[in-house]
Structures are given as C-alpha cells and as structure tokens.
C-alpha cells in the first residue's frame, strides 16, 4: 500500500510540476493551452494504459486461480 501511495504522489508531483512549468513558460496563451491539453491527453493515455495492464493482470490471476480450483476439486 505504501508503494502505491508513493507512486501516486510521484505522479501527482510530476503532473503539477509540468503544469506549472507550462503555465510559467514564455509562450502565447493559445500555445500554452495546447500544451496543457496535449500533456493532459498524454497523462490520460498513460493512465488508461496502466489501468488496462492492471485489469489484464487481475484477469490473468483470476483465470489461473479458477484453473487451480478446478484442478483441486475431484471429479467423479
């Protein structure tokens, strides 16, 4: 659980740092907004990929557990 909190904190820190860096960069407002939108999309895609990986991992473990349970139950 601590590793999860640490990872979430790091991701949040990176996101906030990136956002502040983009906001304070010497660029036009339209360019800044585009950068924010692009970074947000990048983070959303990354997060979706992590959730997809997590779902696949849980699904694989469930399937493995089901197979082991079926093998452990004697059939007549």
Protein backbone atom coordinates (compact mmCIF):
# COMPACT_ATOMS: atom_id res chain seq x y z
CA UNK A 1 0.00 0.00 0.00
CA UNK A 2 2.86 2.40 0.76
CA UNK A 3 4.37 1.83 -2.69
CA UNK A 4 1.03 2.73 -4.28
CA UNK A 5 0.81 5.94 -2.29
CA UNK A 6 4.39 6.80 -3.15
CA UNK A 7 3.81 6.17 -6.86
CA UNK A 8 0.63 8.25 -6.79
CA UNK A 9 2.49 11.06 -5.03
CA UNK A 10 5.29 10.99 -7.58
CA UNK A 11 2.83 11.06 -10.49
CA UNK A 12 0.91 13.91 -8.90
CA UNK A 13 4.14 15.84 -8.31
CA UNK A 14 5.26 15.32 -11.89
CA UNK A 15 1.87 16.44 -13.17
CA UNK A 16 1.77 19.57 -11.02
CA UNK A 17 5.37 20.42 -11.88
CA UNK A 18 4.73 20.01 -15.58
CA UNK A 19 1.58 22.11 -15.40
CA UNK A 20 3.34 24.90 -13.53
CA UNK A 21 6.28 24.77 -15.92
CA UNK A 22 3.99 25.09 -18.90
CA UNK A 23 1.97 27.89 -17.31
CA UNK A 24 5.02 29.98 -16.48
CA UNK A 25 6.83 29.37 -19.76
CA UNK A 26 7.12 32.42 -22.02
CA UNK A 27 4.58 31.43 -24.67
CA UNK A 28 1.31 32.70 -26.09
CA UNK A 29 -1.89 31.76 -24.31
CA UNK A 30 -3.10 29.62 -27.19
CA UNK A 31 0.19 27.73 -27.30
CA UNK A 32 0.09 27.24 -23.54
CA UNK A 33 -3.46 25.90 -23.67
CA UNK A 34 -2.49 23.50 -26.46
CA UNK A 35 0.46 22.29 -24.40
CA UNK A 36 -1.76 21.75 -21.37
CA UNK A 37 -4.31 19.84 -23.44
CA UNK A 38 -1.59 17.70 -25.03
CA UNK A 39 0.05 16.93 -21.68
CA UNK A 40 -3.34 16.11 -20.18
CA UNK A 41 -4.05 13.74 -23.06
CA UNK A 42 -0.63 12.13 -22.61
CA UNK A 43 -1.30 11.57 -18.92
CA UNK A 44 -4.79 10.24 -19.64
CA UNK A 45 -3.40 7.81 -22.21
CA UNK A 46 -0.69 6.70 -19.78
CA UNK A 47 -3.23 6.21 -17.00
CA UNK A 48 -5.53 4.25 -19.32
CA UNK A 49 -2.61 2.02 -20.28
CA UNK A 50 -1.81 1.37 -16.63
CA UNK A 51 -5.44 0.52 -15.86
CA UNK A 52 -5.56 -1.79 -18.88
CA UNK A 53 -2.40 -3.53 -17.66
CA UNK A 54 -3.83 -3.82 -14.16
CA UNK A 55 -7.10 -5.23 -15.47
CA UNK A 56 -5.24 -7.76 -17.61
CA UNK A 57 -3.08 -8.81 -14.66
CA UNK A 58 -6.10 -9.27 -12.39
CA UNK A 59 -7.93 -11.15 -15.14
CA UNK A 60 -4.96 -13.47 -15.70
CA UNK A 61 -4.64 -14.16 -11.97
CA UNK A 62 -8.37 -14.87 -11.73
CA UNK A 63 -8.18 -17.30 -14.65
CA UNK A 64 -5.18 -19.01 -13.07
CA UNK A 65 -6.97 -19.26 -9.73
CA UNK A 66 -10.03 -20.72 -11.43
CA UNK A 67 -7.93 -23.36 -13.19
CA UNK A 68 -6.19 -24.30 -9.93
CA UNK A 69 -9.52 -24.51 -8.12
CA UNK A 70 -10.98 -26.75 -10.83
CA UNK A 71 -7.91 -28.99 -10.68
CA UNK A 72 -8.16 -29.25 -6.89
CA UNK A 73 -11.79 -30.38 -6.94
CA UNK A 74 -12.02 -34.09 -7.64
CA UNK A 75 -14.40 -35.13 -10.41
CA UNK A 76 -16.41 -38.31 -10.38
